[in-house]
Amino acid sequence: MEYYEGIKTPALKMIYRGIISLQRFVCYVCAIALPLIICYQVVLRYVLKAPLMGIEELLTFFIIWLYMMGGSVASEKRCHIECGILTLYIKKEKTMKIFKCFKALFSFVICAWLTRWAFWYFQYSFGLWKTSGILKIPMFLGESSMFLGLAFMLFFAALEMIDYIRELITFLKEEKRV
């Protein structure tokens, strides 16, 4: 939420706050449900000697949601994994700001492409409405996490790109004054 204060548009603030709330809620629910389900299965299997079929199947839904929402949280906090080898060789501040703009643009384009594919898969999964093997849970519930997570990542990639472009423009204006 540290970038929330920098957003000027009320509609964008509302969208940002809504995405953050949904991300956090899904992550909390999944992070609590996973160990509880695993403990429940361990108690059933090893203490009561009565394993419950389908627990592993149920876990996959929580795992995929936690993974995709965790990725979007990392995008929001801008702490996602990156290989910063080129940044070690860039010495000029102007060059670094230009590099960050191109890096953010490249991330945005790749994320948009992946989100497009995830949306197609989302539509396909919704139309097919297949179910899981044992519990008969609609697979759409798990597969939709890819589209939603990538859509959130795309939103945050756009904000990051806008921030870097603003930084570059501000730097260039200040450079001209001097």
N, C-alpha and C. Protein backbone atom coordinates (compact mmCIF):
# COMPACT_ATOMS: atom_id res chain seq x y z
N MET A 1 0.81 -1.20 0.00
CA MET A 1 0.00 0.00 0.00
C MET A 1 0.86 1.26 0.00
N GLU A 2 2.17 1.13 -0.08
CA GLU A 2 3.02 2.31 0.00
C GLU A 2 2.88 3.22 -1.22
N TYR A 3 2.41 2.71 -2.36
CA TYR A 3 2.25 3.52 -3.56
C TYR A 3 0.87 4.16 -3.62
N TYR A 4 0.01 3.79 -2.72
CA TYR A 4 -1.37 4.27 -2.70
C TYR A 4 -1.43 5.79 -2.56
N GLU A 5 -0.58 6.35 -1.71
CA GLU A 5 -0.60 7.79 -1.47
C GLU A 5 -0.20 8.58 -2.71
N GLY A 6 0.58 8.00 -3.58
CA GLY A 6 1.03 8.70 -4.78
C GLY A 6 0.01 8.74 -5.90
N ILE A 7 -1.06 7.98 -5.77
CA ILE A 7 -2.09 7.94 -6.81
C ILE A 7 -3.00 9.16 -6.65
N LYS A 8 -3.17 9.89 -7.72
CA LYS A 8 -3.96 11.13 -7.69
C LYS A 8 -5.44 10.90 -8.05
N THR A 9 -5.72 10.00 -8.97
CA THR A 9 -7.08 9.78 -9.46
C THR A 9 -7.91 8.98 -8.46
N PRO A 10 -9.09 9.49 -8.06
CA PRO A 10 -9.93 8.76 -7.09
C PRO A 10 -10.35 7.38 -7.59
N ALA A 11 -10.69 7.26 -8.86
CA ALA A 11 -11.12 5.96 -9.41
C ALA A 11 -9.97 4.96 -9.35
N LEU A 12 -8.77 5.40 -9.69
CA LEU A 12 -7.60 4.53 -9.65
C LEU A 12 -7.27 4.13 -8.22
N LYS A 13 -7.47 5.07 -7.28
CA LYS A 13 -7.26 4.76 -5.86
C LYS A 13 -8.23 3.68 -5.40
N MET A 14 -9.48 3.78 -5.84
CA MET A 14 -10.49 2.81 -5.44
C MET A 14 -10.17 1.43 -6.02
N ILE A 15 -9.76 1.39 -7.27
CA ILE A 15 -9.37 0.13 -7.91
C ILE A 15 -8.17 -0.47 -7.19
N TYR A 16 -7.19 0.37 -6.91
CA TYR A 16 -5.98 -0.08 -6.23
C TYR A 16 -6.33 -0.68 -4.86
N ARG A 17 -7.14 0.03 -4.10
CA ARG A 17 -7.53 -0.44 -2.77
C ARG A 17 -8.32 -1.75 -2.86
N GLY A 18 -9.20 -1.86 -3.85
CA GLY A 18 -9.98 -3.08 -4.03
C GLY A 18 -9.10 -4.29 -4.37
N ILE A 19 -8.14 -4.08 -5.26
CA ILE A 19 -7.23 -5.16 -5.64
C ILE A 19 -6.40 -5.59 -4.44
N ILE A 20 -5.88 -4.62 -3.70
CA ILE A 20 -5.07 -4.93 -2.52
C ILE A 20 -5.89 -5.73 -1.51
N SER A 21 -7.12 -5.30 -1.27
CA SER A 21 -7.98 -6.00 -0.30
C SER A 21 -8.26 -7.43 -0.74
N LEU A 22 -8.57 -7.61 -2.02
CA LEU A 22 -8.84 -8.95 -2.54
C LEU A 22 -7.60 -9.84 -2.46
N GLN A 23 -6.46 -9.28 -2.84
CA GLN A 23 -5.19 -10.04 -2.76
C GLN A 23 -4.94 -10.52 -1.34
N ARG A 24 -5.01 -9.59 -0.42
CA ARG A 24 -4.71 -9.92 0.98
C ARG A 24 -5.69 -10.97 1.51
N PHE A 25 -6.97 -10.80 1.21
CA PHE A 25 -7.98 -11.74 1.68
C PHE A 25 -7.70 -13.14 1.16
N VAL A 26 -7.47 -13.26 -0.14
CA VAL A 26 -7.21 -14.57 -0.74
C VAL A 26 -5.94 -15.18 -0.16
N CYS A 27 -4.89 -14.38 -0.02
CA CYS A 27 -3.64 -14.90 0.54
C CYS A 27 -3.82 -15.36 1.98
N TYR A 28 -4.54 -14.59 2.79
CA TYR A 28 -4.76 -14.98 4.18
C TYR A 28 -5.57 -16.26 4.27
N VAL A 29 -6.65 -16.34 3.50
CA VAL A 29 -7.50 -17.53 3.53
C VAL A 29 -6.69 -18.77 3.12
N CYS A 30 -5.94 -18.65 2.03
CA CYS A 30 -5.15 -19.80 1.55
C CYS A 30 -4.03 -20.15 2.52
N ALA A 31 -3.36 -19.15 3.07
CA ALA A 31 -2.26 -19.41 4.00
C ALA A 31 -2.75 -20.04 5.30
N ILE A 32 -3.98 -19.77 5.67
CA ILE A 32 -4.54 -20.39 6.87
C ILE A 32 -5.11 -21.77 6.54
N ALA A 33 -5.77 -21.88 5.40
CA ALA A 33 -6.43 -23.14 5.03
C ALA A 33 -5.43 -24.26 4.75
N LEU A 34 -4.33 -23.94 4.08
CA LEU A 34 -3.37 -24.99 3.71
C LEU A 34 -2.83 -25.77 4.90
N PRO A 35 -2.24 -25.13 5.92
CA PRO A 35 -1.76 -25.92 7.05
C PRO A 35 -2.87 -26.62 7.83
N LEU A 36 -4.05 -26.00 7.91
CA LEU A 36 -5.16 -26.64 8.61
C LEU A 36 -5.59 -27.92 7.90
N ILE A 37 -5.68 -27.86 6.58
CA ILE A 37 -6.07 -29.04 5.81
C ILE A 37 -5.01 -30.13 5.92
N ILE A 38 -3.75 -29.74 5.87
CA ILE A 38 -2.66 -30.71 5.98
C ILE A 38 -2.68 -31.36 7.37
N CYS A 39 -2.85 -30.55 8.42
CA CYS A 39 -2.92 -31.11 9.78
C CYS A 39 -4.11 -32.05 9.92
N TYR A 40 -5.23 -31.67 9.35
CA TYR A 40 -6.42 -32.51 9.39
C TYR A 40 -6.15 -33.86 8.72
N GLN A 41 -5.49 -33.83 7.58
CA GLN A 41 -5.16 -35.07 6.86
C GLN A 41 -4.17 -35.92 7.66
N VAL A 42 -3.19 -35.29 8.29
CA VAL A 42 -2.20 -36.04 9.09
C VAL A 42 -2.89 -36.71 10.27
N VAL A 43 -3.77 -35.98 10.96
CA VAL A 43 -4.49 -36.56 12.09
C VAL A 43 -5.37 -37.73 11.63
N LEU A 44 -6.08 -37.52 10.55
CA LEU A 44 -6.94 -38.60 10.03
C LEU A 44 -6.12 -39.82 9.62
N ARG A 45 -5.04 -39.59 8.90
CA ARG A 45 -4.27 -40.70 8.34
C ARG A 45 -3.46 -41.44 9.39
N TYR A 46 -2.71 -40.70 10.23
CA TYR A 46 -1.75 -41.36 11.11
C TYR A 46 -2.25 -41.58 12.54
N VAL A 47 -3.20 -40.79 12.99
CA VAL A 47 -3.72 -40.96 14.34
C VAL A 47 -4.98 -41.83 14.32
N LEU A 48 -5.92 -41.45 13.49
CA LEU A 48 -7.19 -42.18 13.45
C LEU A 48 -7.19 -43.33 12.44
N LYS A 49 -6.12 -43.43 11.65
CA LYS A 49 -5.99 -44.49 10.64
C LYS A 49 -7.19 -44.52 9.68
N ALA A 50 -7.68 -43.33 9.34
CA ALA A 50 -8.83 -43.22 8.44
C ALA A 50 -8.57 -42.11 7.43
N PRO A 51 -7.73 -42.36 6.40
CA PRO A 51 -7.42 -41.28 5.44
C PRO A 51 -8.66 -40.84 4.67
N LEU A 52 -8.70 -39.57 4.37
CA LEU A 52 -9.81 -38.99 3.63
C LEU A 52 -9.36 -38.78 2.19
N MET A 53 -10.08 -39.36 1.27
CA MET A 53 -9.73 -39.23 -0.14
C MET A 53 -10.06 -37.82 -0.63
N GLY A 54 -9.19 -37.27 -1.44
CA GLY A 54 -9.45 -35.98 -2.06
C GLY A 54 -8.82 -34.78 -1.39
N ILE A 55 -8.16 -34.98 -0.27
CA ILE A 55 -7.54 -33.84 0.42
C ILE A 55 -6.46 -33.21 -0.46
N GLU A 56 -5.64 -34.04 -1.08
CA GLU A 56 -4.57 -33.53 -1.93
C GLU A 56 -5.16 -32.75 -3.11
N GLU A 57 -6.27 -33.22 -3.62
CA GLU A 57 -6.95 -32.55 -4.72
C GLU A 57 -7.44 -31.17 -4.27
N LEU A 58 -7.99 -31.09 -3.08
CA LEU A 58 -8.46 -29.82 -2.53
C LEU A 58 -7.30 -28.85 -2.29
N LEU A 59 -6.17 -29.39 -1.85
CA LEU A 59 -4.99 -28.55 -1.58
C LEU A 59 -4.51 -27.83 -2.83
N THR A 60 -4.61 -28.48 -3.99
CA THR A 60 -4.11 -27.85 -5.22
C THR A 60 -4.85 -26.55 -5.53
N PHE A 61 -6.12 -26.47 -5.20
CA PHE A 61 -6.87 -25.24 -5.44
C PHE A 61 -6.34 -24.10 -4.58
N PHE A 62 -6.10 -24.38 -3.31
CA PHE A 62 -5.56 -23.36 -2.41
C PHE A 62 -4.13 -22.97 -2.80
N ILE A 63 -3.35 -23.97 -3.22
CA ILE A 63 -1.95 -23.71 -3.59
C ILE A 63 -1.87 -22.80 -4.80
N ILE A 64 -2.64 -23.08 -5.84
CA ILE A 64 -2.56 -22.26 -7.06
C ILE A 64 -3.05 -20.84 -6.79
N TRP A 65 -4.09 -20.69 -5.97
CA TRP A 65 -4.56 -19.35 -5.63
C TRP A 65 -3.52 -18.58 -4.82
N LEU A 66 -2.89 -19.26 -3.87
CA LEU A 66 -1.86 -18.61 -3.06
C LEU A 66 -0.66 -18.21 -3.93
N TYR A 67 -0.29 -19.08 -4.86
CA TYR A 67 0.84 -18.80 -5.74
C TYR A 67 0.57 -17.59 -6.63
N MET A 68 -0.59 -17.56 -7.27
CA MET A 68 -0.89 -16.47 -8.19
C MET A 68 -1.14 -15.15 -7.45
N MET A 69 -1.83 -15.20 -6.33
CA MET A 69 -2.04 -13.97 -5.57
C MET A 69 -0.73 -13.50 -4.93
N GLY A 70 0.10 -14.44 -4.52
CA GLY A 70 1.42 -14.07 -3.98
C GLY A 70 2.26 -13.37 -5.04
N GLY A 71 2.17 -13.84 -6.27
CA GLY A 71 2.88 -13.17 -7.37
C GLY A 71 2.38 -11.77 -7.60
N SER A 72 1.07 -11.57 -7.49
CA SER A 72 0.54 -10.23 -7.70
C SER A 72 0.87 -9.31 -6.52
N VAL A 73 0.96 -9.87 -5.32
CA VAL A 73 1.40 -9.08 -4.16
C VAL A 73 2.85 -8.64 -4.36
N ALA A 74 3.68 -9.54 -4.86
CA ALA A 74 5.08 -9.20 -5.13
C ALA A 74 5.17 -8.10 -6.18
N SER A 75 4.29 -8.15 -7.18
CA SER A 75 4.27 -7.08 -8.19
C SER A 75 3.83 -5.76 -7.58
N GLU A 76 2.86 -5.82 -6.70
CA GLU A 76 2.39 -4.59 -6.07
C GLU A 76 3.47 -3.97 -5.19
N LYS A 77 4.18 -4.80 -4.47
CA LYS A 77 5.23 -4.30 -3.58
C LYS A 77 6.56 -4.05 -4.30
N ARG A 78 6.59 -4.42 -5.57
CA ARG A 78 7.79 -4.27 -6.41
C ARG A 78 9.00 -4.99 -5.79
N CYS A 79 8.73 -6.17 -5.29
CA CYS A 79 9.81 -6.97 -4.72
C CYS A 79 9.90 -8.32 -5.42
N HIS A 80 9.48 -8.34 -6.69
CA HIS A 80 9.56 -9.58 -7.43
C HIS A 80 11.01 -9.87 -7.82
N ILE A 81 11.27 -11.08 -8.16
CA ILE A 81 12.63 -11.51 -8.49
C ILE A 81 13.06 -10.88 -9.81
N GLU A 82 14.25 -10.33 -9.81
CA GLU A 82 14.80 -9.81 -11.05
C GLU A 82 16.31 -10.02 -11.06
N CYS A 83 16.82 -10.12 -12.23
CA CYS A 83 18.26 -10.32 -12.39
C CYS A 83 18.85 -8.98 -12.81
N GLY A 84 19.48 -8.30 -11.89
CA GLY A 84 19.96 -6.95 -12.13
C GLY A 84 21.41 -6.85 -12.56
N ILE A 85 21.83 -7.70 -13.47
CA ILE A 85 23.22 -7.70 -13.90
C ILE A 85 23.57 -6.41 -14.63
N LEU A 86 22.68 -5.97 -15.53
CA LEU A 86 22.98 -4.75 -16.29
C LEU A 86 23.06 -3.52 -15.39
N THR A 87 22.29 -3.53 -14.31
CA THR A 87 22.32 -2.36 -13.42
C THR A 87 23.67 -2.20 -12.74
N LEU A 88 24.45 -3.25 -12.67
CA LEU A 88 25.79 -3.15 -12.09
C LEU A 88 26.74 -2.35 -12.98
N TYR A 89 26.47 -2.35 -14.28
CA TYR A 89 27.35 -1.68 -15.23
C TYR A 89 26.89 -0.28 -15.61
N ILE A 90 25.66 0.06 -15.26
CA ILE A 90 25.14 1.39 -15.59
C ILE A 90 25.55 2.36 -14.49
N LYS A 91 26.30 3.36 -14.88
CA LYS A 91 26.83 4.32 -13.89
C LYS A 91 26.06 5.65 -13.90
N LYS A 92 25.58 6.08 -15.06
CA LYS A 92 24.91 7.37 -15.16
C LYS A 92 23.47 7.26 -14.70
N GLU A 93 23.04 8.27 -13.97
CA GLU A 93 21.68 8.26 -13.44
C GLU A 93 20.63 8.32 -14.56
N LYS A 94 20.91 9.11 -15.57
CA LYS A 94 19.99 9.24 -16.70
C LYS A 94 19.83 7.90 -17.42
N THR A 95 20.93 7.23 -17.64
CA THR A 95 20.91 5.93 -18.32
C THR A 95 20.15 4.91 -17.48
N MET A 96 20.31 4.97 -16.16
CA MET A 96 19.61 4.05 -15.27
C MET A 96 18.10 4.29 -15.34
N LYS A 97 17.69 5.55 -15.38
CA LYS A 97 16.25 5.85 -15.45
C LYS A 97 15.66 5.40 -16.79
N ILE A 98 16.40 5.57 -17.86
CA ILE A 98 15.95 5.09 -19.18
C ILE A 98 15.87 3.57 -19.17
N PHE A 99 16.87 2.93 -18.59
CA PHE A 99 16.87 1.47 -18.50
C PHE A 99 15.65 0.97 -17.72
N LYS A 100 15.33 1.63 -16.60
CA LYS A 100 14.18 1.23 -15.80
C LYS A 100 12.88 1.38 -16.59
N CYS A 101 12.79 2.43 -17.40
CA CYS A 101 11.60 2.63 -18.23
C CYS A 101 11.44 1.48 -19.23
N PHE A 102 12.54 1.11 -19.89
CA PHE A 102 12.48 0.01 -20.86
C PHE A 102 12.21 -1.33 -20.17
N LYS A 103 12.78 -1.51 -19.01
CA LYS A 103 12.55 -2.74 -18.26
C LYS A 103 11.08 -2.85 -17.88
N ALA A 104 10.49 -1.75 -17.41
CA ALA A 104 9.08 -1.75 -17.03
C ALA A 104 8.19 -1.95 -18.26
N LEU A 105 8.56 -1.33 -19.37
CA LEU A 105 7.79 -1.50 -20.61
C LEU A 105 7.82 -2.96 -21.07
N PHE A 106 9.01 -3.55 -21.03
CA PHE A 106 9.16 -4.95 -21.43
C PHE A 106 8.34 -5.86 -20.50
N SER A 107 8.38 -5.61 -19.20
CA SER A 107 7.59 -6.39 -18.24
C SER A 107 6.10 -6.24 -18.52
N PHE A 108 5.68 -5.02 -18.83
CA PHE A 108 4.27 -4.77 -19.12
C PHE A 108 3.82 -5.53 -20.36
N VAL A 109 4.63 -5.48 -21.41
CA VAL A 109 4.27 -6.16 -22.66
C VAL A 109 4.18 -7.66 -22.46
N ILE A 110 5.17 -8.24 -21.78
CA ILE A 110 5.16 -9.69 -21.52
C ILE A 110 3.96 -10.06 -20.65
N CYS A 111 3.69 -9.28 -19.64
CA CYS A 111 2.55 -9.56 -18.75
C CYS A 111 1.23 -9.42 -19.51
N ALA A 112 1.12 -8.44 -20.39
CA ALA A 112 -0.10 -8.29 -21.20
C ALA A 112 -0.29 -9.51 -22.10
N TRP A 113 0.78 -9.98 -22.69
CA TRP A 113 0.71 -11.17 -23.55
C TRP A 113 0.27 -12.39 -22.75
N LEU A 114 0.86 -12.59 -21.58
CA LEU A 114 0.49 -13.73 -20.74
C LEU A 114 -0.94 -13.60 -20.21
N THR A 115 -1.36 -12.38 -19.90
CA THR A 115 -2.73 -12.16 -19.42
C THR A 115 -3.72 -12.49 -20.53
N ARG A 116 -3.37 -12.15 -21.75
CA ARG A 116 -4.24 -12.48 -22.90
C ARG A 116 -4.41 -13.99 -23.02
N TRP A 117 -3.31 -14.71 -22.92
CA TRP A 117 -3.38 -16.17 -22.98
C TRP A 117 -4.17 -16.73 -21.80
N ALA A 118 -3.97 -16.17 -20.62
CA ALA A 118 -4.69 -16.62 -19.43
C ALA A 118 -6.19 -16.35 -19.57
N PHE A 119 -6.53 -15.25 -20.21
CA PHE A 119 -7.95 -14.95 -20.43
C PHE A 119 -8.58 -15.97 -21.38
N TRP A 120 -7.85 -16.32 -22.44
CA TRP A 120 -8.36 -17.35 -23.35
C TRP A 120 -8.57 -18.67 -22.61
N TYR A 121 -7.61 -19.01 -21.76
CA TYR A 121 -7.74 -20.24 -20.97
C TYR A 121 -8.91 -20.14 -19.99
N PHE A 122 -9.09 -18.96 -19.42
CA PHE A 122 -10.20 -18.69 -18.51
C PHE A 122 -11.53 -18.93 -19.23
N GLN A 123 -11.67 -18.40 -20.44
CA GLN A 123 -12.89 -18.60 -21.22
C GLN A 123 -13.10 -20.08 -21.57
N TYR A 124 -12.03 -20.72 -21.99
CA TYR A 124 -12.09 -22.14 -22.35
C TYR A 124 -12.51 -22.98 -21.15
N SER A 125 -11.89 -22.73 -20.01
CA SER A 125 -12.18 -23.49 -18.80
C SER A 125 -13.61 -23.26 -18.33
N PHE A 126 -14.06 -22.03 -18.43
CA PHE A 126 -15.43 -21.71 -18.03
C PHE A 126 -16.44 -22.40 -18.95
N GLY A 127 -16.15 -22.40 -20.25
CA GLY A 127 -17.04 -23.03 -21.21
C GLY A 127 -17.08 -24.54 -21.10
N LEU A 128 -15.94 -25.13 -20.81
CA LEU A 128 -15.84 -26.59 -20.73
C LEU A 128 -16.42 -27.13 -19.42
N TRP A 129 -16.21 -26.40 -18.34
CA TRP A 129 -16.70 -26.71 -17.01
C TRP A 129 -16.38 -28.15 -16.58
N LYS A 130 -15.09 -28.49 -16.69
CA LYS A 130 -14.66 -29.81 -16.23
C LYS A 130 -14.56 -29.81 -14.71
N THR A 131 -14.60 -31.00 -14.12
CA THR A 131 -14.55 -31.11 -12.66
C THR A 131 -13.36 -31.97 -12.24
N SER A 132 -12.98 -31.82 -10.99
CA SER A 132 -11.86 -32.60 -10.45
C SER A 132 -12.28 -34.06 -10.31
N GLY A 133 -11.31 -34.94 -10.24
CA GLY A 133 -11.57 -36.37 -10.26
C GLY A 133 -12.35 -36.92 -9.09
N ILE A 134 -11.98 -36.58 -7.88
CA ILE A 134 -12.59 -37.19 -6.70
C ILE A 134 -13.70 -36.33 -6.10
N LEU A 135 -13.40 -35.07 -5.86
CA LEU A 135 -14.36 -34.19 -5.17
C LEU A 135 -15.35 -33.52 -6.12
N LYS A 136 -15.12 -33.63 -7.41
CA LYS A 136 -16.00 -33.03 -8.43
C LYS A 136 -16.12 -31.52 -8.29
N ILE A 137 -15.03 -30.88 -7.89
CA ILE A 137 -14.98 -29.42 -7.80
C ILE A 137 -14.73 -28.89 -9.21
N PRO A 138 -15.46 -27.88 -9.64
CA PRO A 138 -15.21 -27.33 -10.98
C PRO A 138 -13.77 -26.83 -11.08
N MET A 139 -13.04 -27.30 -12.08
CA MET A 139 -11.64 -26.91 -12.27
C MET A 139 -11.51 -25.42 -12.57
N PHE A 140 -12.59 -24.85 -13.05
CA PHE A 140 -12.63 -23.42 -13.33
C PHE A 140 -12.25 -22.60 -12.10
N LEU A 141 -12.61 -23.08 -10.92
CA LEU A 141 -12.31 -22.35 -9.68
C LEU A 141 -10.80 -22.23 -9.45
N GLY A 142 -10.05 -23.22 -9.81
CA GLY A 142 -8.60 -23.13 -9.67
C GLY A 142 -7.92 -22.47 -10.85
N GLU A 143 -8.41 -22.78 -12.04
CA GLU A 143 -7.79 -22.28 -13.26
C GLU A 143 -8.02 -20.78 -13.46
N SER A 144 -9.07 -20.24 -12.88
CA SER A 144 -9.34 -18.81 -13.01
C SER A 144 -8.32 -17.96 -12.25
N SER A 145 -7.61 -18.57 -11.32
CA SER A 145 -6.61 -17.83 -10.55
C SER A 145 -5.48 -17.30 -11.43
N MET A 146 -5.19 -18.02 -12.51
CA MET A 146 -4.12 -17.56 -13.41
C MET A 146 -4.49 -16.25 -14.07
N PHE A 147 -5.72 -16.17 -14.58
CA PHE A 147 -6.15 -14.92 -15.22
C PHE A 147 -6.21 -13.78 -14.22
N LEU A 148 -6.83 -14.01 -13.08
CA LEU A 148 -6.97 -12.95 -12.09
C LEU A 148 -5.61 -12.48 -11.57
N GLY A 149 -4.73 -13.42 -11.25
CA GLY A 149 -3.40 -13.06 -10.76
C GLY A 149 -2.61 -12.28 -11.79
N LEU A 150 -2.65 -12.73 -13.05
CA LEU A 150 -1.91 -12.01 -14.10
C LEU A 150 -2.55 -10.66 -14.41
N ALA A 151 -3.87 -10.56 -14.32
CA ALA A 151 -4.52 -9.26 -14.53
C ALA A 151 -4.08 -8.26 -13.45
N PHE A 152 -3.99 -8.72 -12.21
CA PHE A 152 -3.49 -7.85 -11.14
C PHE A 152 -2.03 -7.47 -11.39
N MET A 153 -1.23 -8.44 -11.80
CA MET A 153 0.18 -8.15 -12.10
C MET A 153 0.30 -7.14 -13.23
N LEU A 154 -0.57 -7.24 -14.23
CA LEU A 154 -0.57 -6.29 -15.35
C LEU A 154 -0.90 -4.89 -14.86
N PHE A 155 -1.87 -4.78 -13.96
CA PHE A 155 -2.23 -3.49 -13.39
C PHE A 155 -1.04 -2.86 -12.67
N PHE A 156 -0.36 -3.66 -11.85
CA PHE A 156 0.78 -3.12 -11.11
C PHE A 156 1.98 -2.85 -12.01
N ALA A 157 2.12 -3.64 -13.07
CA ALA A 157 3.20 -3.37 -14.04
C ALA A 157 2.95 -2.04 -14.74
N ALA A 158 1.69 -1.75 -15.04
CA ALA A 158 1.35 -0.47 -15.67
C ALA A 158 1.67 0.69 -14.73
N LEU A 159 1.31 0.53 -13.45
CA LEU A 159 1.63 1.59 -12.48
C LEU A 159 3.14 1.79 -12.34
N GLU A 160 3.88 0.68 -12.33
CA GLU A 160 5.34 0.78 -12.22
C GLU A 160 5.92 1.49 -13.44
N MET A 161 5.42 1.14 -14.62
CA MET A 161 5.91 1.78 -15.84
C MET A 161 5.61 3.28 -15.82
N ILE A 162 4.41 3.64 -15.41
CA ILE A 162 4.05 5.06 -15.32
C ILE A 162 4.95 5.79 -14.33
N ASP A 163 5.22 5.18 -13.19
CA ASP A 163 6.11 5.80 -12.19
C ASP A 163 7.51 6.04 -12.75
N TYR A 164 8.06 5.04 -13.44
CA TYR A 164 9.41 5.19 -14.00
C TYR A 164 9.45 6.25 -15.10
N ILE A 165 8.40 6.32 -15.91
CA ILE A 165 8.35 7.35 -16.96
C ILE A 165 8.26 8.73 -16.33
N ARG A 166 7.46 8.87 -15.28
CA ARG A 166 7.37 10.16 -14.58
C ARG A 166 8.72 10.55 -13.98
N GLU A 167 9.40 9.58 -13.38
CA GLU A 167 10.73 9.85 -12.81
C GLU A 167 11.69 10.34 -13.89
N LEU A 168 11.67 9.69 -15.04
CA LEU A 168 12.55 10.09 -16.15
C LEU A 168 12.21 11.49 -16.64
N ILE A 169 10.94 11.78 -16.80
CA ILE A 169 10.53 13.11 -17.27
C ILE A 169 10.94 14.19 -16.27
N THR A 170 10.72 13.92 -14.98
CA THR A 170 11.13 14.87 -13.94
C THR A 170 12.64 15.08 -13.97
N PHE A 171 13.39 14.01 -14.12
CA PHE A 171 14.85 14.11 -14.16
C PHE A 171 15.30 14.92 -15.37
N LEU A 172 14.69 14.66 -16.52
CA LEU A 172 15.07 15.38 -17.74
C LEU A 172 14.75 16.87 -17.64
N LYS A 173 13.62 17.21 -17.00
CA LYS A 173 13.28 18.62 -16.79
C LYS A 173 14.27 19.30 -15.87
N GLU A 174 14.66 18.60 -14.80
CA GLU A 174 15.62 19.17 -13.86
C GLU A 174 17.00 19.31 -14.51
N GLU A 175 17.34 18.37 -15.36
CA GLU A 175 18.63 18.39 -16.05
C GLU A 175 18.72 19.58 -16.99
N LYS A 176 17.60 19.93 -17.63
CA LYS A 176 17.58 21.08 -18.55
C LYS A 176 17.71 22.38 -17.81
N ARG A 177 17.19 22.45 -16.58
CA ARG A 177 17.29 23.67 -15.78
C ARG A 177 18.72 23.99 -15.38
N VAL A 178 19.48 22.94 -15.18
CA VAL A 178 20.86 23.13 -14.69
C VAL A 178 21.79 23.52 -15.76
